[in-house]
Amino acid sequence: MRARSVRSLATTTSSSEPSGLLALRHEFGAFGGNHGLVEVTPEVLARSWGNVATANSGGPLSAAEQMLIAARVDSTFEEIDVKRSGVIEADEWMHCALLRRYFPGPAAADAIARQVRLAKDPHKLLRNFIQTWAQVDLEGGGVVLREDLGRMGLSGRMYDAVLNVMNVDGAADLSYAEFCAHHLGLQQRRVELYLYDLSKRVVQYISPVLVGHQEEGIWHSGIVVFGREYFYQGIICESEPGKTDFGVPTKTVQLGFTLRTKDELERMLTGLAPKFQPHLYDALRHNCNDLSDAVAEFLLGRHIPNSVRLLAARLRKSVLVKVLTPMMNSSLGGSGSSTGQ
């Protein structure tokens, strides 16, 4: 434990700093009542939030409310204490606040944090990120337009090459997260959800009567990333996208971009393998969409669309169950001979 819980340095705040960064610095300084604050401990953060909660409630906090504040402090340090030093420094706060302005998802934020911690001087790295970004994002919004990047000193072939890496979806803007990812050597990879309607569109016509609402499809799904398609067909399988036993996908859904690597994904799938075996397959309780959801959460930090993720739960309430369950267990519960790993 450090001997002092708050450290301030007036010279860290410059009147020439862009207004957006000044606002973030002042927001951080409010925890200690000092706009020159440069680091805060869990105790100071808990006391600051406790004071605000007490003022809002008009009386002492209950034990349960104090526990909620403590839990929030723990989660905040888990997210923002990038260097795992036991204190949150101003640069860490501003870095995470900029990430949150145009949030890339928890998985990407975690990948960025891990790379920052591996740097020779994480403190210097974060400060360089913030100071460089401030040159184009004067309001601290966390995103800039393509034409604003010229002020970063990029032009011509270098400008185009860097922008293509930093913003692989070809959008007209660039986020702070994409900026950090590029400079940390992290590559963004597109993540897609391939959907195959096992009913061949028949369910669209019969579901209003048998289910009580319309279902677009009886979905088998696979996650496509790193040029491969991953899915559950008795075991966890891998294939060239769109070349599985299920034929051409009925539709594809763009889920986003990941900063995870293929090696990380394969290690994760190896760990999941015991939970996705032929004898464990159940069309209505443990199926291909559960694997797709687990992979999406790992890569992106969020679920696949509820229209797919919650399909089995909706079908369990319908009379279609008796008809569909044997067929789906038979066709999906056995491993694909050409794609199983």
Protein backbone atom coordinates (compact mmCIF):
# COMPACT_ATOMS: atom_id res chain seq x y z
CA MET A 1 0.00 0.00 0.00
CA ARG A 2 1.36 3.41 -0.89
CA ALA A 3 1.81 5.87 1.96
CA ARG A 4 -0.27 8.51 0.22
CA SER A 5 -3.64 7.86 -1.36
CA VAL A 6 -3.73 10.95 -3.57
CA ARG A 7 -0.89 12.49 -5.52
CA SER A 8 -1.22 15.75 -7.44
CA LEU A 9 1.05 17.69 -9.71
CA ALA A 10 -0.16 21.04 -10.89
CA THR A 11 2.22 21.12 -13.82
CA THR A 12 0.48 18.11 -15.43
CA THR A 13 -2.48 20.29 -16.41
CA SER A 14 -1.74 22.70 -19.22
CA SER A 15 -3.98 25.55 -20.26
CA SER A 16 -2.98 24.75 -23.85
CA GLU A 17 -4.47 21.25 -23.62
CA PRO A 18 -7.47 20.69 -25.95
CA SER A 19 -10.84 21.31 -24.31
CA GLY A 20 -11.90 17.66 -24.57
CA LEU A 21 -8.84 16.42 -22.65
CA LEU A 22 -9.16 19.22 -20.11
CA ALA A 23 -12.74 18.10 -19.45
CA LEU A 24 -11.58 14.52 -18.89
CA ARG A 25 -8.76 15.65 -16.61
CA HIS A 26 -11.13 17.79 -14.57
CA GLU A 27 -13.57 14.88 -14.32
CA PHE A 28 -10.78 12.73 -12.92
CA GLY A 29 -9.62 15.49 -10.56
CA ALA A 30 -13.10 15.73 -9.06
CA PHE A 31 -12.44 12.49 -7.15
CA GLY A 32 -9.94 14.30 -4.95
CA GLY A 33 -11.34 17.80 -5.23
CA ASN A 34 -8.22 18.73 -7.17
CA HIS A 35 -8.01 19.32 -10.92
CA GLY A 36 -4.26 18.61 -10.76
CA LEU A 37 -4.88 15.09 -9.44
CA VAL A 38 -2.74 12.51 -11.23
CA GLU A 39 -3.52 9.27 -9.38
CA VAL A 40 -6.22 7.82 -7.13
CA THR A 41 -6.40 4.72 -4.93
CA PRO A 42 -9.41 2.45 -4.37
CA GLU A 43 -9.96 4.12 -0.99
CA VAL A 44 -10.19 7.60 -2.49
CA LEU A 45 -12.53 6.43 -5.25
CA ALA A 46 -14.79 4.62 -2.75
CA ARG A 47 -14.87 7.67 -0.47
CA SER A 48 -15.70 10.01 -3.38
CA TRP A 49 -18.55 7.84 -4.63
CA GLY A 50 -19.75 7.26 -1.09
CA ASN A 51 -19.93 10.99 -0.48
CA VAL A 52 -21.97 11.49 -3.64
CA ALA A 53 -24.33 8.64 -2.74
CA THR A 54 -24.78 9.96 0.80
CA ALA A 55 -25.56 13.44 -0.47
CA ASN A 56 -28.10 12.06 -2.94
CA SER A 57 -29.81 9.82 -0.40
CA GLY A 58 -29.87 12.43 2.36
CA GLY A 59 -28.63 10.00 5.01
CA PRO A 60 -26.05 7.34 5.92
CA LEU A 61 -25.53 4.50 3.49
CA SER A 62 -26.67 0.99 4.40
CA ALA A 63 -24.25 -1.93 4.50
CA ALA A 64 -25.70 -3.20 1.20
CA GLU A 65 -25.15 0.18 -0.48
CA GLN A 66 -21.57 0.30 0.77
CA MET A 67 -21.00 -3.19 -0.64
CA LEU A 68 -22.35 -2.08 -4.03
CA ILE A 69 -19.94 0.87 -4.06
CA ALA A 70 -17.05 -1.44 -3.14
CA ALA A 71 -17.99 -3.81 -5.97
CA ARG A 72 -18.16 -0.90 -8.41
CA VAL A 73 -14.71 0.30 -7.29
CA ASP A 74 -13.30 -3.21 -7.86
CA SER A 75 -14.77 -3.44 -11.36
CA THR A 76 -13.57 0.08 -12.20
CA PHE A 77 -10.00 -0.76 -11.18
CA GLU A 78 -10.18 -4.02 -13.14
CA GLU A 79 -11.04 -2.01 -16.26
CA ILE A 80 -9.03 1.19 -15.82
CA ASP A 81 -5.90 0.21 -13.85
CA VAL A 82 -4.22 -0.78 -17.12
CA LYS A 83 -0.77 -1.11 -15.57
CA ARG A 84 -2.03 -3.11 -12.56
CA SER A 85 -0.20 -0.74 -10.20
CA GLY A 86 -2.95 -0.53 -7.57
CA VAL A 87 -3.73 3.08 -8.43
CA ILE A 88 -5.50 4.73 -11.34
CA GLU A 89 -3.41 7.47 -12.91
CA ALA A 90 -4.83 10.39 -14.87
CA ASP A 91 -3.49 9.06 -18.17
CA GLU A 92 -5.12 5.67 -17.55
CA TRP A 93 -8.43 7.35 -16.75
CA MET A 94 -8.29 9.52 -19.87
CA HIS A 95 -7.22 6.57 -22.04
CA CYS A 96 -10.16 4.42 -20.87
CA ALA A 97 -12.58 7.35 -21.09
CA LEU A 98 -11.60 7.87 -24.74
CA LEU A 99 -12.05 4.14 -25.41
CA ARG A 100 -15.51 4.33 -23.83
CA ARG A 101 -16.55 7.24 -26.06
CA TYR A 102 -16.61 4.84 -29.03
CA PHE A 103 -16.32 1.52 -27.25
CA PRO A 104 -14.82 -1.38 -29.26
CA GLY A 105 -16.23 -4.01 -26.88
CA PRO A 106 -14.70 -5.59 -23.77
CA ALA A 107 -12.65 -8.18 -25.66
CA ALA A 108 -10.92 -5.53 -27.78
CA ALA A 109 -10.42 -3.23 -24.79
CA ASP A 110 -8.83 -6.14 -22.91
CA ALA A 111 -6.51 -6.90 -25.85
CA ILE A 112 -5.39 -3.26 -25.96
CA ALA A 113 -4.79 -3.22 -22.18
CA ARG A 114 -2.73 -6.42 -22.33
CA GLN A 115 -0.49 -4.98 -25.04
CA VAL A 116 -0.04 -1.73 -23.11
CA ARG A 117 1.10 -3.68 -20.04
CA LEU A 118 3.72 -5.46 -22.17
CA ALA A 119 5.28 -2.16 -23.27
CA LYS A 120 8.67 -1.16 -21.88
CA ASP A 121 7.16 2.04 -20.44
CA PRO A 122 3.33 1.80 -20.27
CA HIS A 123 3.04 5.26 -18.69
CA LYS A 124 4.96 6.92 -21.54
CA LEU A 125 3.05 4.90 -24.14
CA LEU A 126 -0.38 5.98 -22.83
CA ARG A 127 0.72 9.60 -22.61
CA ASN A 128 1.97 9.50 -26.21
CA PHE A 129 -1.33 7.95 -27.35
CA ILE A 130 -3.37 10.65 -25.62
CA GLN A 131 -1.20 13.56 -26.71
CA THR A 132 -1.08 12.40 -30.34
CA TRP A 133 -4.82 11.70 -30.43
CA ALA A 134 -5.56 15.12 -28.94
CA GLN A 135 -4.10 16.75 -32.04
CA VAL A 136 -7.06 15.57 -34.11
CA ASP A 137 -9.80 14.96 -31.52
CA LEU A 138 -10.00 18.39 -29.96
CA GLU A 139 -13.34 17.73 -28.23
CA GLY A 140 -12.35 14.35 -26.76
CA GLY A 141 -15.16 12.53 -28.55
CA GLY A 142 -13.14 9.35 -29.16
CA VAL A 143 -13.67 9.38 -32.93
CA VAL A 144 -12.41 11.56 -35.80
CA LEU A 145 -13.26 11.93 -39.46
CA ARG A 146 -11.06 10.56 -42.20
CA GLU A 147 -10.03 14.03 -43.44
CA ASP A 148 -8.90 15.04 -39.93
CA LEU A 149 -6.15 12.41 -40.00
CA GLY A 150 -4.03 14.67 -42.18
CA ARG A 151 -3.18 16.56 -39.02
CA MET A 152 -1.42 13.45 -37.72
CA GLY A 153 1.22 13.96 -40.37
CA LEU A 154 -0.01 11.18 -42.67
CA SER A 155 -0.35 11.63 -46.39
CA GLY A 156 -0.28 9.78 -49.70
CA ARG A 157 0.52 6.05 -49.74
CA MET A 158 1.48 6.04 -46.04
CA TYR A 159 -1.83 7.68 -45.15
CA ASP A 160 -3.86 5.14 -47.17
CA ALA A 161 -1.93 2.12 -45.89
CA VAL A 162 -2.23 3.10 -42.24
CA LEU A 163 -5.88 4.03 -42.56
CA ASN A 164 -6.71 0.70 -44.20
CA VAL A 165 -5.16 -1.15 -41.26
CA MET A 166 -6.71 1.10 -38.63
CA ASN A 167 -10.19 1.19 -40.10
CA VAL A 168 -10.68 -2.04 -42.02
CA ASP A 169 -14.40 -1.58 -42.61
CA GLY A 170 -13.77 1.41 -44.89
CA ALA A 171 -15.81 3.82 -42.75
CA ALA A 172 -15.35 7.57 -42.96
CA ASP A 173 -14.26 7.82 -39.34
CA LEU A 174 -11.60 6.45 -37.03
CA SER A 175 -11.96 5.63 -33.33
CA TYR A 176 -9.39 6.05 -30.58
CA ALA A 177 -9.51 2.27 -30.05
CA GLU A 178 -8.58 1.66 -33.71
CA PHE A 179 -5.78 4.21 -33.41
CA CYS A 180 -4.36 2.45 -30.32
CA ALA A 181 -4.76 -1.01 -31.87
CA HIS A 182 -2.74 -0.03 -34.92
CA HIS A 183 0.12 1.46 -32.94
CA LEU A 184 0.21 -1.61 -30.69
CA GLY A 185 0.53 -3.88 -33.72
CA LEU A 186 -2.92 -5.42 -33.21
CA GLN A 187 -4.80 -6.44 -36.34
CA GLN A 188 -8.55 -6.21 -36.62
CA ARG A 189 -10.29 -9.24 -38.10
CA ARG A 190 -13.84 -9.29 -39.38
CA VAL A 191 -16.24 -11.60 -37.52
CA GLU A 192 -19.35 -12.91 -39.28
CA LEU A 193 -22.24 -15.17 -38.34
CA TYR A 194 -23.28 -17.63 -41.07
CA LEU A 195 -26.90 -18.78 -40.74
CA TYR A 196 -28.46 -21.83 -42.41
CA ASP A 197 -32.23 -22.32 -42.32
CA LEU A 198 -32.76 -26.02 -41.69
CA SER A 199 -36.46 -25.69 -42.56
CA LYS A 200 -35.65 -24.30 -46.04
CA ARG A 201 -37.94 -21.31 -45.28
CA VAL A 202 -40.93 -23.57 -44.45
CA VAL A 203 -40.97 -22.33 -40.83
CA GLN A 204 -41.76 -18.81 -42.05
CA TYR A 205 -45.18 -20.05 -43.16
CA ILE A 206 -46.06 -22.51 -40.41
CA SER A 207 -44.63 -20.76 -37.36
CA PRO A 208 -47.47 -18.23 -36.92
CA VAL A 209 -49.87 -21.15 -36.43
CA LEU A 210 -47.67 -23.62 -34.56
CA VAL A 211 -45.51 -21.20 -32.55
CA GLY A 212 -47.79 -18.18 -32.23
CA HIS A 213 -45.36 -15.81 -33.94
CA GLN A 214 -43.28 -15.84 -37.09
CA GLU A 215 -39.79 -17.29 -37.06
CA GLU A 216 -37.50 -16.36 -39.93
CA GLY A 217 -35.69 -19.68 -39.85
CA ILE A 218 -34.68 -22.75 -37.86
CA TRP A 219 -31.08 -21.69 -37.62
CA HIS A 220 -27.88 -23.67 -37.68
CA SER A 221 -25.03 -21.20 -37.23
CA GLY A 222 -21.28 -20.92 -37.56
CA ILE A 223 -18.79 -18.16 -36.78
CA VAL A 224 -16.53 -17.07 -39.63
CA VAL A 225 -13.21 -15.44 -38.72
CA PHE A 226 -9.56 -15.77 -39.80
CA GLY A 227 -10.77 -17.25 -43.09
CA ARG A 228 -12.41 -20.27 -41.40
CA GLU A 229 -15.89 -21.27 -40.27
CA TYR A 230 -16.30 -22.72 -36.75
CA PHE A 231 -19.42 -24.64 -35.74
CA TYR A 232 -20.80 -27.45 -33.56
CA GLN A 233 -21.83 -30.62 -35.35
CA GLY A 234 -21.33 -33.32 -32.75
CA ILE A 235 -17.86 -31.89 -32.07
CA ILE A 236 -16.35 -28.46 -32.66
CA CYS A 237 -15.67 -28.35 -36.39
CA GLU A 238 -13.73 -26.10 -38.72
CA SER A 239 -14.22 -25.61 -42.44
CA GLU A 240 -13.67 -23.31 -45.36
CA PRO A 241 -16.50 -20.75 -45.03
CA GLY A 242 -19.69 -21.80 -46.78
CA LYS A 243 -18.30 -25.25 -47.67
CA THR A 244 -19.85 -27.27 -44.84
CA ASP A 245 -22.47 -30.03 -45.01
CA PHE A 246 -25.13 -27.32 -44.67
CA GLY A 247 -24.50 -25.82 -48.10
CA VAL A 248 -24.74 -22.13 -48.90
CA PRO A 249 -25.68 -19.92 -45.93
CA THR A 250 -29.18 -18.50 -46.00
CA LYS A 251 -27.87 -15.20 -44.66
CA THR A 252 -24.76 -13.69 -43.11
CA VAL A 253 -24.60 -11.21 -40.24
CA GLN A 254 -21.67 -8.84 -39.70
CA LEU A 255 -20.90 -9.05 -35.97
CA GLY A 256 -17.93 -6.68 -35.84
CA PHE A 257 -14.14 -6.84 -35.67
CA THR A 258 -11.90 -8.61 -33.19
CA LEU A 259 -8.38 -7.94 -31.92
CA ARG A 260 -8.01 -11.53 -30.77
CA THR A 261 -5.58 -13.79 -32.63
CA LYS A 262 -6.25 -17.14 -34.27
CA ASP A 263 -3.98 -18.87 -31.73
CA GLU A 264 -6.03 -17.38 -28.88
CA LEU A 265 -9.25 -18.61 -30.49
CA GLU A 266 -7.90 -22.11 -31.03
CA ARG A 267 -6.77 -22.35 -27.40
CA MET A 268 -10.21 -21.22 -26.30
CA LEU A 269 -11.90 -23.84 -28.52
CA THR A 270 -9.62 -26.56 -27.18
CA GLY A 271 -10.76 -25.64 -23.69
CA LEU A 272 -14.41 -25.78 -24.77
CA ALA A 273 -14.12 -29.10 -26.61
CA PRO A 274 -15.14 -31.34 -23.64
CA LYS A 275 -18.42 -29.41 -23.39
CA PHE A 276 -19.25 -29.84 -27.07
CA GLN A 277 -19.28 -33.59 -27.70
CA PRO A 278 -21.79 -35.80 -29.60
CA HIS A 279 -23.45 -37.18 -26.47
CA LEU A 280 -23.96 -33.65 -25.11
CA TYR A 281 -25.75 -32.27 -28.18
CA ASP A 282 -29.37 -31.28 -27.59
CA ALA A 283 -31.19 -29.32 -30.28
CA LEU A 284 -33.22 -27.40 -27.71
CA ARG A 285 -30.73 -26.98 -24.86
CA HIS A 286 -27.14 -27.26 -26.09
CA ASN A 287 -26.66 -26.70 -29.80
CA CYS A 288 -24.63 -25.00 -32.51
CA ASN A 289 -25.94 -21.56 -31.58
CA ASP A 290 -24.53 -21.99 -28.07
CA LEU A 291 -21.05 -22.50 -29.53
CA SER A 292 -21.47 -19.53 -31.88
CA ASP A 293 -22.51 -17.39 -28.92
CA ALA A 294 -19.51 -18.50 -26.84
CA VAL A 295 -17.12 -17.73 -29.70
CA ALA A 296 -18.72 -14.33 -30.33
CA GLU A 297 -18.41 -13.44 -26.64
CA PHE A 298 -14.75 -14.43 -26.67
CA LEU A 299 -13.93 -12.51 -29.84
CA LEU A 300 -16.15 -9.46 -29.37
CA GLY A 301 -17.38 -9.44 -25.79
CA ARG A 302 -21.02 -9.58 -26.84
CA HIS A 303 -23.73 -12.08 -27.79
CA ILE A 304 -24.95 -13.13 -31.22
CA PRO A 305 -28.41 -11.70 -32.11
CA ASN A 306 -31.24 -12.85 -29.82
CA SER A 307 -33.22 -13.98 -32.86
CA VAL A 308 -30.66 -16.79 -33.13
CA ARG A 309 -29.38 -17.13 -29.56
CA LEU A 310 -32.83 -17.52 -27.99
CA LEU A 311 -34.39 -19.56 -30.80
CA ALA A 312 -34.30 -22.85 -28.88
CA ALA A 313 -35.93 -21.27 -25.82
CA ARG A 314 -38.78 -20.00 -27.99
CA LEU A 315 -39.24 -23.34 -29.72
CA ARG A 316 -39.38 -25.25 -26.43
CA LYS A 317 -42.75 -23.59 -25.80
CA SER A 318 -44.26 -24.69 -29.12
CA VAL A 319 -45.87 -27.79 -30.56
CA LEU A 320 -43.07 -27.86 -33.14
CA VAL A 321 -40.82 -29.41 -30.53
CA LYS A 322 -42.02 -33.00 -31.06
CA VAL A 323 -41.55 -32.67 -34.82
CA LEU A 324 -38.23 -30.81 -34.94
CA THR A 325 -36.22 -32.25 -32.05
CA PRO A 326 -35.56 -35.77 -33.45
CA MET A 327 -34.70 -34.36 -36.88
CA MET A 328 -32.29 -31.74 -35.51
CA ASN A 329 -30.60 -34.09 -33.04
CA SER A 330 -30.06 -36.60 -35.84
CA SER A 331 -28.70 -34.16 -38.41
CA LEU A 332 -26.68 -31.94 -36.09
CA GLY A 333 -25.60 -34.25 -33.28
CA GLY A 334 -23.19 -36.28 -35.39
CA SER A 335 -19.79 -34.90 -36.31
CA GLY A 336 -19.09 -33.75 -39.84
CA SER A 337 -16.61 -36.20 -41.35
CA SER A 338 -14.93 -33.66 -43.61
CA THR A 339 -14.63 -30.81 -41.15
CA GLY A 340 -14.17 -32.25 -37.67
CA GLN A 341 -10.90 -31.40 -35.99
